[in-house]
């Protein structure tokens, strides 16, 4: 499929799939969406509300590694907050180096000191753990989301798959059952989606689901929690 680099409303770039008219991030702002959904209502919520004193590394699963923006912003927070994180990013169709080069996340995040680190996110091998820093371990897995079979392994899931309009099969009870099983007790899943069908699919497999104010351009988003 043909991919096109576009600039979103906050100045950060994302990738558009022309055949689907679908984007890797919100056209209202790639960085602002990642910060609002995954950092603020995911990472910060978890370590401020669920476990206030974190000693062990936080295992995080991302569904849709894509451009690496969510992972990189999580890495930046791990450095600021002195958090240890084991990050697993799942992606069925990795981007090429040529597609990644035009992205301007380093400049927009004022993270020039980590420019080479961002490159490491994409150059490191797939299928094995890679130490990005002493506080951040990255494992990239090239596989379909339906093939995820971990049990009670993750504290937090960033669910950032393409929208249900173009890939409805990724937003079903079957997929959210896999997510539920992959989370530890008290685990949290966050996603930009607020569709009623998505919320009902989450609830059907056992999640406690709440609607939250969405990022710029979206009225609501969802956060789901697994019981103790």
C-alpha atoms as a PDB file:
ATOM      1  CA  UNK A   1       0.000   0.000   0.000  1.00  0.00           C
ATOM      2  CA  UNK A   2       1.181   3.504  -0.811  1.00  0.00           C
ATOM      3  CA  UNK A   3       2.217   5.598   2.191  1.00  0.00           C
ATOM      4  CA  UNK A   4       2.502   9.387   2.278  1.00  0.00           C
ATOM      5  CA  UNK A   5       4.137  11.638   4.884  1.00  0.00           C
ATOM      6  CA  UNK A   6       1.831  14.432   6.104  1.00  0.00           C
ATOM      7  CA  UNK A   7       2.156  17.171   8.738  1.00  0.00           C
ATOM      8  CA  UNK A   8      -0.444  17.090  11.513  1.00  0.00           C
ATOM      9  CA  UNK A   9      -1.970  20.093  13.273  1.00  0.00           C
ATOM     10  CA  UNK A  10       0.641  20.258  16.056  1.00  0.00           C
ATOM     11  CA  UNK A  11       3.519  20.323  13.554  1.00  0.00           C
ATOM     12  CA  UNK A  12       4.539  16.692  14.015  1.00  0.00           C
ATOM     13  CA  UNK A  13       4.430  14.370  11.036  1.00  0.00           C
ATOM     14  CA  UNK A  14       2.650  11.095  10.510  1.00  0.00           C
ATOM     15  CA  UNK A  15       2.042   8.614   7.703  1.00  0.00           C
ATOM     16  CA  UNK A  16      -1.124   8.326   5.629  1.00  0.00           C
ATOM     17  CA  UNK A  17      -2.145   5.135   3.836  1.00  0.00           C
ATOM     18  CA  UNK A  18      -3.736   6.453   0.686  1.00  0.00           C
ATOM     19  CA  UNK A  19      -5.876   3.429  -0.226  1.00  0.00           C
ATOM     20  CA  UNK A  20      -7.560   3.467   3.181  1.00  0.00           C
ATOM     21  CA  UNK A  21      -7.468   7.219   3.846  1.00  0.00           C
ATOM     22  CA  UNK A  22      -6.108   6.160   7.249  1.00  0.00           C
ATOM     23  CA  UNK A  23      -3.309   7.672   9.323  1.00  0.00           C
ATOM     24  CA  UNK A  24      -0.820   6.235  11.802  1.00  0.00           C
ATOM     25  CA  UNK A  25      -1.628   9.101  14.185  1.00  0.00           C
ATOM     26  CA  UNK A  26      -4.292  11.765  14.561  1.00  0.00           C
ATOM     27  CA  UNK A  27      -4.256  14.509  11.931  1.00  0.00           C
ATOM     28  CA  UNK A  28      -5.047  16.874  14.816  1.00  0.00           C
ATOM     29  CA  UNK A  29      -1.573  16.208  16.193  1.00  0.00           C
ATOM     30  CA  UNK A  30       0.504  13.032  16.296  1.00  0.00           C
ATOM     31  CA  UNK A  31       2.472  14.006  19.391  1.00  0.00           C
ATOM     32  CA  UNK A  32      -0.455  15.492  21.275  1.00  0.00           C
ATOM     33  CA  UNK A  33      -2.505  12.333  20.700  1.00  0.00           C
ATOM     34  CA  UNK A  34       0.312  10.044  21.876  1.00  0.00           C
ATOM     35  CA  UNK A  35       0.879  12.191  24.954  1.00  0.00           C
ATOM     36  CA  UNK A  36      -2.801  12.418  25.878  1.00  0.00           C
ATOM     37  CA  UNK A  37      -3.852   8.814  25.299  1.00  0.00           C
ATOM     38  CA  UNK A  38      -0.802   6.709  26.051  1.00  0.00           C
ATOM     39  CA  UNK A  39       1.415   8.795  28.336  1.00  0.00           C
ATOM     40  CA  UNK A  40      -1.102  10.787  30.407  1.00  0.00           C
ATOM     41  CA  UNK A  41      -3.987   8.303  30.629  1.00  0.00           C
ATOM     42  CA  UNK A  42      -1.846   5.180  30.329  1.00  0.00           C
ATOM     43  CA  UNK A  43       1.669   5.412  31.749  1.00  0.00           C
ATOM     44  CA  UNK A  44       1.100   8.251  34.231  1.00  0.00           C
ATOM     45  CA  UNK A  45      -2.220   6.804  35.374  1.00  0.00           C
ATOM     46  CA  UNK A  46      -0.614   3.441  36.007  1.00  0.00           C
ATOM     47  CA  UNK A  47       2.335   4.576  38.099  1.00  0.00           C
ATOM     48  CA  UNK A  48       0.412   7.324  39.940  1.00  0.00           C
ATOM     49  CA  UNK A  49      -2.755   5.352  40.674  1.00  0.00           C
ATOM     50  CA  UNK A  50      -2.168   1.604  40.472  1.00  0.00           C
ATOM     51  CA  UNK A  51       1.369   1.258  41.837  1.00  0.00           C
ATOM     52  CA  UNK A  52       2.750   4.417  43.391  1.00  0.00           C
ATOM     53  CA  UNK A  53       6.098   2.955  44.408  1.00  0.00           C
ATOM     54  CA  UNK A  54       7.571   1.141  41.432  1.00  0.00           C
ATOM     55  CA  UNK A  55      10.636  -1.023  42.000  1.00  0.00           C
ATOM     56  CA  UNK A  56      10.455  -3.664  39.281  1.00  0.00           C
ATOM     57  CA  UNK A  57      10.444  -2.796  35.562  1.00  0.00           C
ATOM     58  CA  UNK A  58       7.017  -2.016  34.087  1.00  0.00           C
ATOM     59  CA  UNK A  59       6.213  -4.408  31.216  1.00  0.00           C
ATOM     60  CA  UNK A  60       4.315  -2.573  28.450  1.00  0.00           C
ATOM     61  CA  UNK A  61       2.807  -4.057  25.292  1.00  0.00           C
ATOM     62  CA  UNK A  62       2.091  -1.855  22.293  1.00  0.00           C
ATOM     63  CA  UNK A  63      -0.336  -3.073  19.656  1.00  0.00           C
ATOM     64  CA  UNK A  64       0.848  -1.303  16.508  1.00  0.00           C
ATOM     65  CA  UNK A  65       4.491  -0.249  16.907  1.00  0.00           C
ATOM     66  CA  UNK A  66       4.282   1.765  13.678  1.00  0.00           C
ATOM     67  CA  UNK A  67       6.488   4.858  13.657  1.00  0.00           C
ATOM     68  CA  UNK A  68       7.802   4.166  17.158  1.00  0.00           C
ATOM     69  CA  UNK A  69       6.393   7.454  18.477  1.00  0.00           C
ATOM     70  CA  UNK A  70       4.560   5.963  21.472  1.00  0.00           C
ATOM     71  CA  UNK A  71       7.587   3.874  22.383  1.00  0.00           C
ATOM     72  CA  UNK A  72       9.994   6.807  22.052  1.00  0.00           C
ATOM     73  CA  UNK A  73       7.821   9.120  24.157  1.00  0.00           C
ATOM     74  CA  UNK A  74       7.584   6.398  26.791  1.00  0.00           C
ATOM     75  CA  UNK A  75      11.377   6.120  26.717  1.00  0.00           C
ATOM     76  CA  UNK A  76      11.691   9.890  27.262  1.00  0.00           C
ATOM     77  CA  UNK A  77       9.425   9.657  30.294  1.00  0.00           C
ATOM     78  CA  UNK A  78      11.425   6.730  31.654  1.00  0.00           C
ATOM     79  CA  UNK A  79      14.465   8.996  31.663  1.00  0.00           C
ATOM     80  CA  UNK A  80      12.646  11.929  33.269  1.00  0.00           C
ATOM     81  CA  UNK A  81      10.811   9.901  35.910  1.00  0.00           C
ATOM     82  CA  UNK A  82      13.533   7.305  36.544  1.00  0.00           C
ATOM     83  CA  UNK A  83      11.244   4.441  35.551  1.00  0.00           C
ATOM     84  CA  UNK A  84      12.430   1.040  34.416  1.00  0.00           C
ATOM     85  CA  UNK A  85      10.407  -0.235  31.480  1.00  0.00           C
ATOM     86  CA  UNK A  86      10.396  -3.436  29.435  1.00  0.00           C
ATOM     87  CA  UNK A  87       8.611  -2.453  26.226  1.00  0.00           C
ATOM     88  CA  UNK A  88       7.250  -4.914  23.663  1.00  0.00           C
ATOM     89  CA  UNK A  89       6.066  -3.495  20.351  1.00  0.00           C
ATOM     90  CA  UNK A  90       4.077  -5.716  17.986  1.00  0.00           C
ATOM     91  CA  UNK A  91       3.898  -4.813  14.299  1.00  0.00           C
ATOM     92  CA  UNK A  92       2.825  -6.991  11.385  1.00  0.00           C
ATOM     93  CA  UNK A  93       4.115  -4.637   8.676  1.00  0.00           C
ATOM     94  CA  UNK A  94       7.213  -2.681   9.799  1.00  0.00           C
ATOM     95  CA  UNK A  95       8.037   0.608   8.110  1.00  0.00           C
ATOM     96  CA  UNK A  96      11.158   0.979   5.996  1.00  0.00           C
ATOM     97  CA  UNK A  97      14.054   3.296   6.787  1.00  0.00           C
ATOM     98  CA  UNK A  98      13.069   5.560   3.896  1.00  0.00           C
ATOM     99  CA  UNK A  99       9.576   5.970   5.328  1.00  0.00           C
ATOM    100  CA  UNK A 100      10.933   6.839   8.769  1.00  0.00           C
ATOM    101  CA  UNK A 101      13.558   9.390   7.745  1.00  0.00           C
ATOM    102  CA  UNK A 102      11.142  12.321   7.129  1.00  0.00           C
ATOM    103  CA  UNK A 103       9.535  12.046  10.573  1.00  0.00           C
ATOM    104  CA  UNK A 104      10.365  15.067  12.757  1.00  0.00           C
ATOM    105  CA  UNK A 105       9.720  13.725  16.248  1.00  0.00           C
ATOM    106  CA  UNK A 106      13.196  14.573  17.536  1.00  0.00           C
ATOM    107  CA  UNK A 107      12.767  18.262  16.683  1.00  0.00           C
ATOM    108  CA  UNK A 108       9.154  18.534  17.823  1.00  0.00           C
ATOM    109  CA  UNK A 109       9.907  16.826  21.145  1.00  0.00           C
ATOM    110  CA  UNK A 110      13.102  18.884  21.641  1.00  0.00           C
ATOM    111  CA  UNK A 111      14.919  15.573  22.097  1.00  0.00           C
ATOM    112  CA  UNK A 112      18.050  16.252  20.055  1.00  0.00           C
ATOM    113  CA  UNK A 113      20.231  14.539  22.639  1.00  0.00           C
ATOM    114  CA  UNK A 114      18.348  11.303  21.904  1.00  0.00           C
ATOM    115  CA  UNK A 115      18.488  11.459  18.112  1.00  0.00           C
ATOM    116  CA  UNK A 116      20.683   8.377  17.868  1.00  0.00           C
ATOM    117  CA  UNK A 117      18.526   6.619  20.434  1.00  0.00           C
ATOM    118  CA  UNK A 118      15.464   7.119  18.231  1.00  0.00           C
ATOM    119  CA  UNK A 119      17.406   5.554  15.379  1.00  0.00           C
ATOM    120  CA  UNK A 120      18.187   2.597  17.643  1.00  0.00           C
ATOM    121  CA  UNK A 121      14.450   1.998  18.076  1.00  0.00           C
ATOM    122  CA  UNK A 122      14.222   1.192  14.385  1.00  0.00           C
ATOM    123  CA  UNK A 123      17.671  -0.273  13.700  1.00  0.00           C
ATOM    124  CA  UNK A 124      17.705  -2.784  16.537  1.00  0.00           C
ATOM    125  CA  UNK A 125      16.884  -6.391  15.544  1.00  0.00           C
ATOM    126  CA  UNK A 126      13.396  -7.839  15.629  1.00  0.00           C
ATOM    127  CA  UNK A 127      12.505 -10.757  17.848  1.00  0.00           C
ATOM    128  CA  UNK A 128      14.944 -10.226  20.704  1.00  0.00           C
ATOM    129  CA  UNK A 129      15.335  -7.865  23.680  1.00  0.00           C
ATOM    130  CA  UNK A 130      17.525  -4.810  23.060  1.00  0.00           C
ATOM    131  CA  UNK A 131      18.783  -2.469  25.771  1.00  0.00           C
ATOM    132  CA  UNK A 132      18.004   1.072  24.610  1.00  0.00           C
ATOM    133  CA  UNK A 133      19.240   2.396  27.969  1.00  0.00           C
ATOM    134  CA  UNK A 134      19.762   0.974  31.475  1.00  0.00           C
ATOM    135  CA  UNK A 135      16.139   1.915  32.197  1.00  0.00           C
ATOM    136  CA  UNK A 136      14.505   0.885  28.925  1.00  0.00           C
ATOM    137  CA  UNK A 137      14.489  -2.490  27.195  1.00  0.00           C
ATOM    138  CA  UNK A 138      12.790  -2.832  23.801  1.00  0.00           C
ATOM    139  CA  UNK A 139      11.582  -6.013  22.120  1.00  0.00           C
ATOM    140  CA  UNK A 140      10.037  -5.672  18.655  1.00  0.00           C
ATOM    141  CA  UNK A 141       7.910  -8.553  17.436  1.00  0.00           C
ATOM    142  CA  UNK A 142       6.871  -8.912  13.812  1.00  0.00           C
ATOM    143  CA  UNK A 143       3.615 -10.839  13.987  1.00  0.00           C
ATOM    144  CA  UNK A 144      -0.150 -10.554  13.702  1.00  0.00           C
ATOM    145  CA  UNK A 145      -2.009  -9.296  16.750  1.00  0.00           C
ATOM    146  CA  UNK A 146      -4.152 -12.445  16.791  1.00  0.00           C
ATOM    147  CA  UNK A 147      -1.002 -14.474  17.459  1.00  0.00           C
ATOM    148  CA  UNK A 148      -0.308 -12.814  20.814  1.00  0.00           C
ATOM    149  CA  UNK A 149      -0.479 -15.565  23.431  1.00  0.00           C
ATOM    150  CA  UNK A 150       1.214 -14.182  26.550  1.00  0.00           C
ATOM    151  CA  UNK A 151      -0.464 -14.869  29.892  1.00  0.00           C
ATOM    152  CA  UNK A 152      -0.519 -12.304  32.736  1.00  0.00           C
ATOM    153  CA  UNK A 153       2.688 -10.698  31.488  1.00  0.00           C
ATOM    154  CA  UNK A 154       2.007  -6.965  31.041  1.00  0.00           C
ATOM    155  CA  UNK A 155       1.002  -4.139  33.363  1.00  0.00           C
ATOM    156  CA  UNK A 156      -0.031  -1.803  30.574  1.00  0.00           C
ATOM    157  CA  UNK A 157      -1.199  -2.117  26.961  1.00  0.00           C
ATOM    158  CA  UNK A 158      -1.155   0.682  24.409  1.00  0.00           C
ATOM    159  CA  UNK A 159      -3.796  -0.412  21.886  1.00  0.00           C
ATOM    160  CA  UNK A 160      -2.954   1.654  18.808  1.00  0.00           C
ATOM    161  CA  UNK A 161      -4.150  -0.477  15.910  1.00  0.00           C
ATOM    162  CA  UNK A 162      -5.582   1.042  12.738  1.00  0.00           C
ATOM    163  CA  UNK A 163      -9.207   2.073  13.164  1.00  0.00           C
ATOM    164  CA  UNK A 164     -12.190  -0.245  13.079  1.00  0.00           C
ATOM    165  CA  UNK A 165     -13.380   1.434   9.861  1.00  0.00           C
ATOM    166  CA  UNK A 166     -10.522  -0.150   7.904  1.00  0.00           C
ATOM    167  CA  UNK A 167      -9.575  -3.140  10.089  1.00  0.00           C
ATOM    168  CA  UNK A 168     -12.656  -4.159  12.099  1.00  0.00           C
ATOM    169  CA  UNK A 169     -11.145  -7.586  12.805  1.00  0.00           C
ATOM    170  CA  UNK A 170      -8.641  -5.942  15.192  1.00  0.00           C
ATOM    171  CA  UNK A 171     -11.381  -4.566  17.463  1.00  0.00           C
ATOM    172  CA  UNK A 172     -13.313  -7.734  18.293  1.00  0.00           C
ATOM    173  CA  UNK A 173     -14.033  -9.749  21.421  1.00  0.00           C
ATOM    174  CA  UNK A 174     -11.483 -12.318  20.229  1.00  0.00           C
ATOM    175  CA  UNK A 175      -8.687  -9.751  20.133  1.00  0.00           C
ATOM    176  CA  UNK A 176      -9.641  -8.132  23.436  1.00  0.00           C
ATOM    177  CA  UNK A 177      -9.771 -11.562  25.065  1.00  0.00           C
ATOM    178  CA  UNK A 178      -6.104 -11.962  24.095  1.00  0.00           C
ATOM    179  CA  UNK A 179      -5.376  -8.520  25.578  1.00  0.00           C
ATOM    180  CA  UNK A 180      -7.212  -9.395  28.792  1.00  0.00           C
ATOM    181  CA  UNK A 181      -5.245 -12.611  29.155  1.00  0.00           C
ATOM    182  CA  UNK A 182      -1.956 -10.833  28.431  1.00  0.00           C
ATOM    183  CA  UNK A 183      -2.488  -8.325  31.245  1.00  0.00           C
ATOM    184  CA  UNK A 184      -1.590  -8.953  34.859  1.00  0.00           C
ATOM    185  CA  UNK A 185      -4.273  -8.418  37.516  1.00  0.00           C
ATOM    186  CA  UNK A 186      -4.950  -4.652  37.865  1.00  0.00           C
ATOM    187  CA  UNK A 187      -3.474  -4.172  34.398  1.00  0.00           C
ATOM    188  CA  UNK A 188      -4.582  -1.270  32.215  1.00  0.00           C
ATOM    189  CA  UNK A 189      -5.331  -0.937  28.484  1.00  0.00           C
ATOM    190  CA  UNK A 190      -5.708   2.456  26.809  1.00  0.00           C
ATOM    191  CA  UNK A 191      -6.793   3.303  23.287  1.00  0.00           C
ATOM    192  CA  UNK A 192      -7.775   6.340  21.257  1.00  0.00           C
ATOM    193  CA  UNK A 193     -11.005   4.633  20.160  1.00  0.00           C
ATOM    194  CA  UNK A 194     -14.333   5.392  21.805  1.00  0.00           C
ATOM    195  CA  UNK A 195     -16.676   3.371  19.589  1.00  0.00           C
ATOM    196  CA  UNK A 196     -19.565   1.724  21.374  1.00  0.00           C
ATOM    197  CA  UNK A 197     -18.839  -1.606  19.703  1.00  0.00           C
ATOM    198  CA  UNK A 198     -15.263  -1.478  20.995  1.00  0.00           C
ATOM    199  CA  UNK A 199     -16.388  -0.680  24.532  1.00  0.00           C
ATOM    200  CA  UNK A 200     -18.909  -3.529  24.465  1.00  0.00           C
ATOM    201  CA  UNK A 201     -16.304  -5.983  23.141  1.00  0.00           C
ATOM    202  CA  UNK A 202     -13.980  -5.035  26.009  1.00  0.00           C
ATOM    203  CA  UNK A 203     -16.726  -5.427  28.597  1.00  0.00           C
ATOM    204  CA  UNK A 204     -17.764  -8.797  27.162  1.00  0.00           C
ATOM    205  CA  UNK A 205     -14.353 -10.304  27.940  1.00  0.00           C
ATOM    206  CA  UNK A 206     -14.225  -8.954  31.501  1.00  0.00           C
ATOM    207  CA  UNK A 207     -12.729  -5.463  31.326  1.00  0.00           C
ATOM    208  CA  UNK A 208     -13.996  -2.600  33.455  1.00  0.00           C
ATOM    209  CA  UNK A 209     -14.189   0.217  30.909  1.00  0.00           C
ATOM    210  CA  UNK A 210     -14.372   3.971  31.381  1.00  0.00           C
ATOM    211  CA  UNK A 211     -14.776   6.794  28.910  1.00  0.00           C
ATOM    212  CA  UNK A 212     -12.314   9.659  29.236  1.00  0.00           C
ATOM    213  CA  UNK A 213     -11.991  13.010  27.461  1.00  0.00           C
ATOM    214  CA  UNK A 214     -10.261  12.349  24.161  1.00  0.00           C
ATOM    215  CA  UNK A 215      -7.255  14.066  22.597  1.00  0.00           C
ATOM    216  CA  UNK A 216      -7.712  17.152  20.456  1.00  0.00           C
ATOM    217  CA  UNK A 217     -10.149  16.339  17.651  1.00  0.00           C
ATOM    218  CA  UNK A 218     -11.825  13.427  19.519  1.00  0.00           C
ATOM    219  CA  UNK A 219     -14.536  13.789  22.123  1.00  0.00           C
ATOM    220  CA  UNK A 220     -13.714  10.594  24.035  1.00  0.00           C
ATOM    221  CA  UNK A 221     -11.247   7.723  24.419  1.00  0.00           C
ATOM    222  CA  UNK A 222     -11.367   4.446  26.371  1.00  0.00           C
ATOM    223  CA  UNK A 223      -9.417   3.039  29.287  1.00  0.00           C
ATOM    224  CA  UNK A 224     -10.007  -0.568  30.346  1.00  0.00           C
ATOM    225  CA  UNK A 225      -8.857  -2.234  33.553  1.00  0.00           C
ATOM    226  CA  UNK A 226      -8.489  -5.872  34.519  1.00  0.00           C
ATOM    227  CA  UNK A 227      -9.712  -6.760  37.980  1.00  0.00           C
ATOM    228  CA  UNK A 228      -7.480  -7.903  40.814  1.00  0.00           C
END
